[in-house]
Amino acid sequence: MDKTLCVSPWERWPAACLLVVGGTVGFLPILGFWMLPLGLILVAEDIPFLRPPLARMFAWLDRKWPAKS
């Protein structure tokens, strides 16, 4: 099974750019820092050499993030 998104790059790139920009102003009420990683994931769908660094970053964050009981 192919693990890529079933959305064309013409739809994915603007969404990714908006999410990254929205993530950089995450201190605002509606926008949040959650948007930045999501935008980077969408960018990595089209740029394969970004996948390993993002995977390492998310694995590191997963190790450092405190688990909720």
C-alpha atoms as a PDB file:
ATOM      1  CA  MET A   1       0.000   0.000   0.000  1.00  0.00           C
ATOM      2  CA  ASP A   2       1.323   3.414  -0.949  1.00  0.00           C
ATOM      3  CA  LYS A   3       1.756   5.682   2.093  1.00  0.00           C
ATOM      4  CA  THR A   4       1.529   8.979   0.242  1.00  0.00           C
ATOM      5  CA  LEU A   5      -1.439  11.291   0.553  1.00  0.00           C
ATOM      6  CA  CYS A   6      -4.100  11.067  -2.142  1.00  0.00           C
ATOM      7  CA  VAL A   7      -4.071  14.823  -2.666  1.00  0.00           C
ATOM      8  CA  SER A   8      -2.338  16.611  -5.512  1.00  0.00           C
ATOM      9  CA  PRO A   9       0.708  18.772  -4.756  1.00  0.00           C
ATOM     10  CA  TRP A  10      -1.274  21.778  -5.987  1.00  0.00           C
ATOM     11  CA  GLU A  11      -3.535  21.333  -2.971  1.00  0.00           C
ATOM     12  CA  ARG A  12      -0.901  20.100  -0.527  1.00  0.00           C
ATOM     13  CA  TRP A  13       1.687  22.897  -0.944  1.00  0.00           C
ATOM     14  CA  PRO A  14      -0.611  25.868  -0.196  1.00  0.00           C
ATOM     15  CA  ALA A  15      -2.036  24.015   2.807  1.00  0.00           C
ATOM     16  CA  ALA A  16       1.472  23.209   4.042  1.00  0.00           C
ATOM     17  CA  CYS A  17       2.620  26.818   3.614  1.00  0.00           C
ATOM     18  CA  LEU A  18      -0.416  28.142   5.478  1.00  0.00           C
ATOM     19  CA  LEU A  19       0.132  25.667   8.301  1.00  0.00           C
ATOM     20  CA  VAL A  20       3.827  26.552   8.628  1.00  0.00           C
ATOM     21  CA  VAL A  21       3.095  30.282   8.641  1.00  0.00           C
ATOM     22  CA  GLY A  22       0.230  29.769  11.089  1.00  0.00           C
ATOM     23  CA  GLY A  23       2.511  27.700  13.305  1.00  0.00           C
ATOM     24  CA  THR A  24       5.070  30.478  13.514  1.00  0.00           C
ATOM     25  CA  VAL A  25       2.438  32.792  15.019  1.00  0.00           C
ATOM     26  CA  GLY A  26       1.208  30.123  17.395  1.00  0.00           C
ATOM     27  CA  PHE A  27       0.919  32.523  20.299  1.00  0.00           C
ATOM     28  CA  LEU A  28      -2.268  33.922  18.761  1.00  0.00           C
ATOM     29  CA  PRO A  29      -5.588  32.538  20.092  1.00  0.00           C
ATOM     30  CA  ILE A  30      -6.861  30.428  17.168  1.00  0.00           C
ATOM     31  CA  LEU A  31      -3.545  29.572  15.562  1.00  0.00           C
ATOM     32  CA  GLY A  32      -1.259  27.218  17.395  1.00  0.00           C
ATOM     33  CA  PHE A  33       2.180  25.704  17.425  1.00  0.00           C
ATOM     34  CA  TRP A  34       0.536  22.388  16.435  1.00  0.00           C
ATOM     35  CA  MET A  35       0.296  23.757  12.885  1.00  0.00           C
ATOM     36  CA  LEU A  36       4.071  23.857  12.304  1.00  0.00           C
ATOM     37  CA  PRO A  37       4.782  20.092  12.497  1.00  0.00           C
ATOM     38  CA  LEU A  38       1.684  19.330  10.449  1.00  0.00           C
ATOM     39  CA  GLY A  39       2.845  21.727   7.721  1.00  0.00           C
ATOM     40  CA  LEU A  40       6.317  20.175   7.745  1.00  0.00           C
ATOM     41  CA  ILE A  41       4.807  16.710   7.358  1.00  0.00           C
ATOM     42  CA  LEU A  42       2.880  17.882   4.295  1.00  0.00           C
ATOM     43  CA  VAL A  43       6.043  19.415   2.803  1.00  0.00           C
ATOM     44  CA  ALA A  44       7.949  16.174   3.446  1.00  0.00           C
ATOM     45  CA  GLU A  45       5.394  14.285   1.345  1.00  0.00           C
ATOM     46  CA  ASP A  46       6.873  15.958  -1.751  1.00  0.00           C
ATOM     47  CA  ILE A  47      10.507  16.333  -0.654  1.00  0.00           C
ATOM     48  CA  PRO A  48      11.778  12.856   0.263  1.00  0.00           C
ATOM     49  CA  PHE A  49      15.096  13.980   1.793  1.00  0.00           C
ATOM     50  CA  LEU A  50      13.152  15.797   4.540  1.00  0.00           C
ATOM     51  CA  ARG A  51      11.498  12.603   5.763  1.00  0.00           C
ATOM     52  CA  PRO A  52      14.428  11.163   7.791  1.00  0.00           C
ATOM     53  CA  PRO A  53      15.210  14.409   9.666  1.00  0.00           C
ATOM     54  CA  LEU A  54      11.532  14.927  10.452  1.00  0.00           C
ATOM     55  CA  ALA A  55      11.212  11.321  11.630  1.00  0.00           C
ATOM     56  CA  ARG A  56      14.218  11.806  13.934  1.00  0.00           C
ATOM     57  CA  MET A  57      12.784  15.095  15.233  1.00  0.00           C
ATOM     58  CA  PHE A  58       9.382  13.539  15.979  1.00  0.00           C
ATOM     59  CA  ALA A  59      11.016  10.497  17.621  1.00  0.00           C
ATOM     60  CA  TRP A  60      13.064  12.841  19.830  1.00  0.00           C
ATOM     61  CA  LEU A  61       9.947  14.851  20.721  1.00  0.00           C
ATOM     62  CA  ASP A  62       8.097  11.639  21.531  1.00  0.00           C
ATOM     63  CA  ARG A  63      10.865  10.601  23.919  1.00  0.00           C
ATOM     64  CA  LYS A  64      11.029  14.022  25.596  1.00  0.00           C
ATOM     65  CA  TRP A  65       7.280  14.713  25.824  1.00  0.00           C
ATOM     66  CA  PRO A  66       5.917  13.688  29.223  1.00  0.00           C
ATOM     67  CA  ALA A  67       3.410  10.858  29.032  1.00  0.00           C
ATOM     68  CA  LYS A  68      -0.013  11.510  30.517  1.00  0.00           C
ATOM     69  CA  SER A  69      -1.221   8.926  32.993  1.00  0.00           C
END
